[in-house]
Structures are given as C-alpha cells and as structure tokens.
C-alpha atoms as a PDB file:
ATOM      1  CA  MET A   1      -0.063  -0.129  -0.227  1.00  0.00           C
ATOM      2  CA  GLU A   2       1.248   3.542  -0.453  1.00  0.00           C
ATOM      3  CA  TYR A   3       0.877   6.396   2.085  1.00  0.00           C
ATOM      4  CA  ALA A   4      -1.117   8.092  -0.609  1.00  0.00           C
ATOM      5  CA  ASP A   5      -3.610   5.332  -0.654  1.00  0.00           C
ATOM      6  CA  LEU A   6      -3.872   5.356   3.235  1.00  0.00           C
ATOM      7  CA  GLU A   7      -3.770   9.342   3.422  1.00  0.00           C
ATOM      8  CA  ARG A   8      -7.022   9.170   1.032  1.00  0.00           C
ATOM      9  CA  LEU A   9      -8.828   6.744   3.394  1.00  0.00           C
ATOM     10  CA  PHE A  10      -7.837   8.878   6.674  1.00  0.00           C
ATOM     11  CA  ALA A  11      -9.266  12.408   4.716  1.00  0.00           C
ATOM     12  CA  THR A  12     -12.688  10.796   3.896  1.00  0.00           C
ATOM     13  CA  GLN A  13     -13.620   9.111   7.052  1.00  0.00           C
ATOM     14  CA  ARG A  14     -16.183  10.430   8.676  1.00  0.00           C
ATOM     15  CA  ALA A  15     -18.354   9.846  11.752  1.00  0.00           C
ATOM     16  CA  VAL A  16     -21.610   8.656  10.044  1.00  0.00           C
ATOM     17  CA  ARG A  17     -24.810   8.931  12.286  1.00  0.00           C
ATOM     18  CA  LEU A  18     -27.610   8.593   9.365  1.00  0.00           C
ATOM     19  CA  PHE A  19     -27.848   5.083   8.037  1.00  0.00           C
ATOM     20  CA  ALA A  20     -29.476   3.208   4.857  1.00  0.00           C
ATOM     21  CA  SER A  21     -31.656   0.406   6.062  1.00  0.00           C
ATOM     22  CA  ARG A  22     -29.438  -2.077   3.421  1.00  0.00           C
ATOM     23  CA  PRO A  23     -28.395  -4.622   5.828  1.00  0.00           C
ATOM     24  CA  VAL A  24     -24.610  -5.460   6.543  1.00  0.00           C
ATOM     25  CA  ASP A  25     -23.382  -9.194   6.037  1.00  0.00           C
ATOM     26  CA  ASP A  26     -21.967 -11.102   8.939  1.00  0.00           C
ATOM     27  CA  VAL A  27     -18.851 -11.734   6.297  1.00  0.00           C
ATOM     28  CA  VAL A  28     -18.297  -7.843   6.675  1.00  0.00           C
ATOM     29  CA  ILE A  29     -18.626  -7.837  10.015  1.00  0.00           C
ATOM     30  CA  GLU A  30     -15.729 -10.396  10.440  1.00  0.00           C
ATOM     31  CA  THR A  31     -13.717  -8.634   8.243  1.00  0.00           C
ATOM     32  CA  ILE A  32     -14.322  -5.498   9.985  1.00  0.00           C
ATOM     33  CA  ILE A  33     -13.415  -7.210  13.788  1.00  0.00           C
ATOM     34  CA  ALA A  34     -11.130  -9.312  12.626  1.00  0.00           C
ATOM     35  CA  ALA A  35      -9.315  -5.963  11.496  1.00  0.00           C
ATOM     36  CA  ALA A  36      -9.556  -4.721  14.888  1.00  0.00           C
ATOM     37  CA  THR A  37      -7.903  -7.579  16.518  1.00  0.00           C
ATOM     38  CA  ARG A  38      -4.951  -6.886  14.829  1.00  0.00           C
ATOM     39  CA  ALA A  39      -4.265  -3.367  16.721  1.00  0.00           C
ATOM     40  CA  PRO A  40      -1.783  -3.481  19.157  1.00  0.00           C
ATOM     41  CA  SER A  41      -2.423  -4.010  22.783  1.00  0.00           C
ATOM     42  CA  ALA A  42      -0.343  -3.824  26.322  1.00  0.00           C
ATOM     43  CA  ARG A  43       1.311  -6.386  26.765  1.00  0.00           C
ATOM     44  CA  ASN A  44       0.086  -8.111  23.536  1.00  0.00           C
ATOM     45  CA  SER A  45      -2.893  -9.062  26.169  1.00  0.00           C
ATOM     46  CA  GLN A  46      -5.931  -8.485  23.501  1.00  0.00           C
ATOM     47  CA  PRO A  47      -8.531  -7.808  25.987  1.00  0.00           C
ATOM     48  CA  TRP A  48     -11.040  -6.732  23.727  1.00  0.00           C
ATOM     49  CA  ARG A  49     -14.366  -8.864  23.026  1.00  0.00           C
ATOM     50  CA  PHE A  50     -17.084  -7.635  20.481  1.00  0.00           C
ATOM     51  CA  VAL A  51     -20.897  -7.883  21.028  1.00  0.00           C
ATOM     52  CA  VAL A  52     -22.663  -7.571  17.213  1.00  0.00           C
ATOM     53  CA  ILE A  53     -26.063  -6.599  17.997  1.00  0.00           C
ATOM     54  CA  ARG A  54     -29.086  -6.637  15.674  1.00  0.00           C
ATOM     55  CA  GLU A  55     -31.736  -7.341  17.497  1.00  0.00           C
ATOM     56  CA  ARG A  56     -34.133  -4.012  17.210  1.00  0.00           C
ATOM     57  CA  ALA A  57     -35.469  -4.286  21.064  1.00  0.00           C
ATOM     58  CA  THR A  58     -31.955  -3.906  22.148  1.00  0.00           C
ATOM     59  CA  LYS A  59     -31.077  -1.414  19.445  1.00  0.00           C
ATOM     60  CA  GLU A  60     -34.116   0.421  20.870  1.00  0.00           C
ATOM     61  CA  ARG A  61     -33.463   0.039  24.534  1.00  0.00           C
ATOM     62  CA  LEU A  62     -29.695   1.336  23.813  1.00  0.00           C
ATOM     63  CA  GLY A  63     -30.577   4.341  21.668  1.00  0.00           C
ATOM     64  CA  GLU A  64     -32.940   5.554  24.782  1.00  0.00           C
ATOM     65  CA  VAL A  65     -30.504   5.571  27.031  1.00  0.00           C
ATOM     66  CA  PHE A  66     -28.279   7.480  24.089  1.00  0.00           C
ATOM     67  CA  ASP A  67     -30.880   9.844  23.246  1.00  0.00           C
ATOM     68  CA  GLU A  68     -31.932  11.030  27.015  1.00  0.00           C
ATOM     69  CA  LEU A  69     -28.094  11.463  28.029  1.00  0.00           C
ATOM     70  CA  GLY A  70     -27.615  13.480  24.411  1.00  0.00           C
ATOM     71  CA  SER A  71     -30.699  16.004  25.251  1.00  0.00           C
ATOM     72  CA  GLN A  72     -29.049  16.774  28.708  1.00  0.00           C
ATOM     73  CA  MET A  73     -25.781  17.296  27.161  1.00  0.00           C
ATOM     74  CA  TYR A  74     -27.066  18.901  23.508  1.00  0.00           C
ATOM     75  CA  GLY A  75     -31.015  20.159  24.177  1.00  0.00           C
ATOM     76  CA  ALA A  76     -32.047  20.552  20.509  1.00  0.00           C
ATOM     77  CA  GLY A  77     -28.779  20.457  19.513  1.00  0.00           C
ATOM     78  CA  ALA A  78     -28.182  17.276  19.250  1.00  0.00           C
ATOM     79  CA  PRO A  79     -26.643  15.668  15.974  1.00  0.00           C
ATOM     80  CA  GLU A  80     -29.466  14.332  13.776  1.00  0.00           C
ATOM     81  CA  ARG A  81     -29.145  10.759  13.268  1.00  0.00           C
ATOM     82  CA  THR A  82     -30.837   7.232  12.532  1.00  0.00           C
ATOM     83  CA  PRO A  83     -32.537   6.169  15.350  1.00  0.00           C
ATOM     84  CA  TRP A  84     -30.223   3.539  16.877  1.00  0.00           C
ATOM     85  CA  GLY A  85     -33.835   0.738  16.166  1.00  0.00           C
ATOM     86  CA  ASP A  86     -32.987   1.233  12.318  1.00  0.00           C
ATOM     87  CA  VAL A  87     -29.298   1.316  12.502  1.00  0.00           C
ATOM     88  CA  PRO A  88     -28.109  -2.149  10.890  1.00  0.00           C
ATOM     89  CA  VAL A  89     -25.698  -3.036  13.143  1.00  0.00           C
ATOM     90  CA  LEU A  90     -24.605  -1.988  16.926  1.00  0.00           C
ATOM     91  CA  ILE A  91     -21.427  -3.331  17.835  1.00  0.00           C
ATOM     92  CA  ALA A  92     -20.575  -3.084  21.424  1.00  0.00           C
ATOM     93  CA  VAL A  93     -16.300  -3.126  21.894  1.00  0.00           C
ATOM     94  CA  THR A  94     -16.355  -4.823  26.089  1.00  0.00           C
ATOM     95  CA  SER A  95     -13.401  -5.712  27.659  1.00  0.00           C
ATOM     96  CA  GLU A  96     -12.513  -7.329  31.145  1.00  0.00           C
ATOM     97  CA  TYR A  97     -10.586  -5.398  33.501  1.00  0.00           C
ATOM     98  CA  ALA A  98      -7.590  -6.795  32.357  1.00  0.00           C
ATOM     99  CA  PHE A  99      -4.881  -4.341  34.298  1.00  0.00           C
ATOM    100  CA  GLY A 100      -7.164  -3.773  37.063  1.00  0.00           C
ATOM    101  CA  SER A 101      -8.857  -0.941  38.109  1.00  0.00           C
ATOM    102  CA  THR A 102      -6.622   1.348  39.045  1.00  0.00           C
ATOM    103  CA  GLU A 103      -6.140   4.720  37.311  1.00  0.00           C
ATOM    104  CA  SER A 104      -2.892   2.984  35.657  1.00  0.00           C
ATOM    105  CA  GLY A 105      -4.728  -0.094  34.609  1.00  0.00           C
ATOM    106  CA  LEU A 106      -7.389   1.576  33.368  1.00  0.00           C
ATOM    107  CA  ALA A 107      -5.207   3.678  31.317  1.00  0.00           C
ATOM    108  CA  ALA A 108      -3.376   0.594  29.656  1.00  0.00           C
ATOM    109  CA  LEU A 109      -6.574  -0.573  28.952  1.00  0.00           C
ATOM    110  CA  GLY A 110      -7.982   2.066  26.838  1.00  0.00           C
ATOM    111  CA  ALA A 111      -4.722   1.947  24.811  1.00  0.00           C
ATOM    112  CA  SER A 112      -5.178  -1.529  24.199  1.00  0.00           C
ATOM    113  CA  ILE A 113      -9.028  -0.714  23.204  1.00  0.00           C
ATOM    114  CA  TYR A 114      -9.394   2.206  21.211  1.00  0.00           C
ATOM    115  CA  PRO A 115      -6.430   1.249  18.698  1.00  0.00           C
ATOM    116  CA  ALA A 116      -8.853  -1.312  17.915  1.00  0.00           C
ATOM    117  CA  VAL A 117     -11.549   0.568  17.659  1.00  0.00           C
ATOM    118  CA  GLN A 118      -9.659   2.926  14.983  1.00  0.00           C
ATOM    119  CA  ASN A 119      -8.891  -0.023  13.019  1.00  0.00           C
ATOM    120  CA  MET A 120     -12.946  -0.956  13.019  1.00  0.00           C
ATOM    121  CA  LEU A 121     -13.260   2.616  11.687  1.00  0.00           C
ATOM    122  CA  LEU A 122     -11.118   2.806   9.084  1.00  0.00           C
ATOM    123  CA  ALA A 123     -11.692  -1.247   7.938  1.00  0.00           C
ATOM    124  CA  ALA A 124     -16.006   0.014   8.140  1.00  0.00           C
ATOM    125  CA  HIS A 125     -15.019   3.000   6.119  1.00  0.00           C
ATOM    126  CA  SER A 126     -12.618   1.258   3.639  1.00  0.00           C
ATOM    127  CA  LEU A 127     -15.164  -1.147   2.895  1.00  0.00           C
ATOM    128  CA  GLY A 128     -18.474   1.233   1.969  1.00  0.00           C
ATOM    129  CA  LEU A 129     -19.754   1.311   5.301  1.00  0.00           C
ATOM    130  CA  GLY A 130     -20.467   4.352   7.772  1.00  0.00           C
ATOM    131  CA  SER A 131     -19.342   4.401  11.789  1.00  0.00           C
ATOM    132  CA  VAL A 132     -18.926   6.462  14.806  1.00  0.00           C
ATOM    133  CA  LEU A 133     -17.127   5.872  17.968  1.00  0.00           C
ATOM    134  CA  THR A 134     -19.782   6.741  20.753  1.00  0.00           C
ATOM    135  CA  THR A 135     -19.337   6.849  24.366  1.00  0.00           C
ATOM    136  CA  ARG A 136     -22.078   9.492  25.743  1.00  0.00           C
ATOM    137  CA  TRP A 137     -23.852   6.332  27.173  1.00  0.00           C
ATOM    138  CA  LYS A 138     -20.910   5.652  29.342  1.00  0.00           C
ATOM    139  CA  ALA A 139     -22.495   7.777  32.617  1.00  0.00           C
ATOM    140  CA  ARG A 140     -25.296   5.317  32.440  1.00  0.00           C
ATOM    141  CA  GLU A 141     -23.017   2.050  31.768  1.00  0.00           C
ATOM    142  CA  ALA A 142     -24.865  -0.037  34.464  1.00  0.00           C
ATOM    143  CA  GLU A 143     -28.139   0.150  32.378  1.00  0.00           C
ATOM    144  CA  VAL A 144     -26.041  -0.720  29.776  1.00  0.00           C
ATOM    145  CA  ARG A 145     -24.201  -4.110  30.495  1.00  0.00           C
ATOM    146  CA  PRO A 146     -27.111  -6.089  31.719  1.00  0.00           C
ATOM    147  CA  LEU A 147     -28.512  -5.088  28.178  1.00  0.00           C
ATOM    148  CA  LEU A 148     -25.468  -6.534  26.749  1.00  0.00           C
ATOM    149  CA  GLY A 149     -25.673  -9.396  28.923  1.00  0.00           C
ATOM    150  CA  LEU A 150     -22.241  -8.324  29.958  1.00  0.00           C
ATOM    151  CA  PRO A 151     -21.324  -9.280  34.052  1.00  0.00           C
ATOM    152  CA  GLU A 152     -19.961  -6.634  36.544  1.00  0.00           C
ATOM    153  CA  THR A 153     -16.617  -7.566  35.385  1.00  0.00           C
ATOM    154  CA  MET A 154     -16.660  -6.016  32.423  1.00  0.00           C
ATOM    155  CA  ALA A 155     -16.485  -2.672  31.068  1.00  0.00           C
ATOM    156  CA  VAL A 156     -17.827  -1.408  27.906  1.00  0.00           C
ATOM    157  CA  HIS A 157     -15.703   0.933  26.064  1.00  0.00           C
ATOM    158  CA  ALA A 158     -17.604   1.823  23.049  1.00  0.00           C
ATOM    159  CA  ILE A 159     -20.671   1.140  20.855  1.00  0.00           C
ATOM    160  CA  ILE A 160     -20.476   1.573  17.057  1.00  0.00           C
ATOM    161  CA  PRO A 161     -23.321   2.009  14.974  1.00  0.00           C
ATOM    162  CA  LEU A 162     -22.511   0.474  11.733  1.00  0.00           C
ATOM    163  CA  GLY A 163     -24.320   0.490   8.067  1.00  0.00           C
ATOM    164  CA  TYR A 164     -24.295   2.013   4.832  1.00  0.00           C
ATOM    165  CA  PRO A 165     -24.126   5.580   4.764  1.00  0.00           C
ATOM    166  CA  ALA A 166     -27.874   7.417   4.072  1.00  0.00           C
ATOM    167  CA  GLU A 167     -25.923   9.907   2.063  1.00  0.00           C
ATOM    168  CA  ARG A 168     -22.866  10.383   0.612  1.00  0.00           C
ATOM    169  CA  MET A 169     -19.897  12.255   2.244  1.00  0.00           C
ATOM    170  CA  GLY A 170     -17.299  14.064   1.297  1.00  0.00           C
ATOM    171  CA  LYS A 171     -13.673  14.710   2.674  1.00  0.00           C
ATOM    172  CA  ASN A 172     -13.539  15.527   6.329  1.00  0.00           C
ATOM    173  CA  ARG A 173     -12.226  18.874   7.801  1.00  0.00           C
ATOM    174  CA  ARG A 174      -9.550  19.262   9.821  1.00  0.00           C
ATOM    175  CA  ARG A 175      -7.262  21.730  11.043  1.00  0.00           C
ATOM    176  CA  ALA A 176      -3.763  21.560   9.486  1.00  0.00           C
ATOM    177  CA  ALA A 177      -1.471  19.323  11.321  1.00  0.00           C
ATOM    178  CA  SER A 178       1.030  22.605  12.044  1.00  0.00           C
ATOM    179  CA  GLU A 179      -1.933  24.426  14.030  1.00  0.00           C
ATOM    180  CA  VAL A 180      -2.394  21.938  16.557  1.00  0.00           C
ATOM    181  CA  THR A 181       1.721  20.717  16.977  1.00  0.00           C
ATOM    182  CA  TYR A 182       3.960  22.483  18.838  1.00  0.00           C
ATOM    183  CA  ARG A 183       7.472  22.461  18.887  1.00  0.00           C
ATOM    184  CA  GLU A 184       9.237  21.103  22.509  1.00  0.00           C
ATOM    185  CA  ARG A 185       6.501  22.365  24.823  1.00  0.00           C
ATOM    186  CA  PHE A 186       2.661  23.777  24.545  1.00  0.00           C
ATOM    187  CA  GLY A 187       2.504  26.928  22.624  1.00  0.00           C
ATOM    188  CA  ALA A 188       5.479  27.211  20.997  1.00  0.00           C
ATOM    189  CA  PRO A 189       5.024  26.827  17.196  1.00  0.00           C
ATOM    190  CA  TRP A 190       5.846  24.130  15.406  1.00  0.00           C
ATOM    191  CA  ASN A 191       6.966  26.585  12.437  1.00  0.00           C
END
C-alpha cells in the first residue's frame, strides 16, 4: 500500500450517523472485527471482546439511553442520526478489566481498546460502510451492561453504529497539523 492510499482513507473517514436500511452481511462484520484484532495492545493482552447487536429491541433500548443523555448534554442541538433501532448493526466493544481498575490499569486498557476501535472505523470506511464511535452512554454504563449480557467484571468502551451511509459524504474538514502541533513545549509554534 502506498501512503497516498492510506492518506485518502484518513481524509475521507467521517462520523456517519445517518444509515440506509441496507443490511450488513456477517462476513463484512467479521472482516471489520478481524481488523480490530490486529491492533496493538498492552502486553499483547488482546483484551477486547465484541458484541454484535442486531436485535431491534436491544438497539432501541440502547438508543433510548443514548438519546436521553444527548438531550441532557445538547438539548435540541444533538446531531441528527438514524434511530438506533433502525441502524443495521451496533457493535459494542467490551473487555474484562485486564489490568485492574487503578488509574494506570484503566489507562493501559484504553490504550489497548481504542486502537482496535480505530481499526474498526477505518476498516468499515474502506468497505464502504459508515460508523461512528460513541461513548456518551458511559454515564449510564450500569444500565447498558445487562442489555448486553455482561457481568460486572466487564466494561463497555464503545458502541459503534454500523451500516451503509444514507448519503454520500465528502472529505472531512480538519485543522492543518501545523495548527495543532508544538515544538518542545505547548504553545511553542511548530513552524
């Protein structure tokens, strides 16, 4: 792969919240999850576990929690999205507390989980699907865990709505690297 191909993938990956009703095949989901499992993890622990959710009632209940928190956070300004009950697939990225629940253990767990999530998002995009990383519902994780059948010993890190985008999206808009990069100390211009 040439870097230009990878750069094109980075430049066109978007947070997709509006999905077509077209179903997503299990083979595609397995491909996306396989990409996630190629991510690095602390001590090669590979702590991630994935729950693929297609059941409408579960998606709707998770969506209710997400929407209630969105109303509290954004009021009427929450981004428009396909109701989760209508999203073809939700993938919950979960794990056991592989490094304990201390601050450093949770940091190692996050450092292991979120590279896998980014691999999923990029793999989905490369296959023509849309996705978005959600964590808003973490404030009510205790309600989410039983909906996924998870014991108390497991954490939910991300729920990723996944499907074919309802509309075509162009390049993402990002600040130039030079605007967000500093030399040696924060505030010292890169250039």
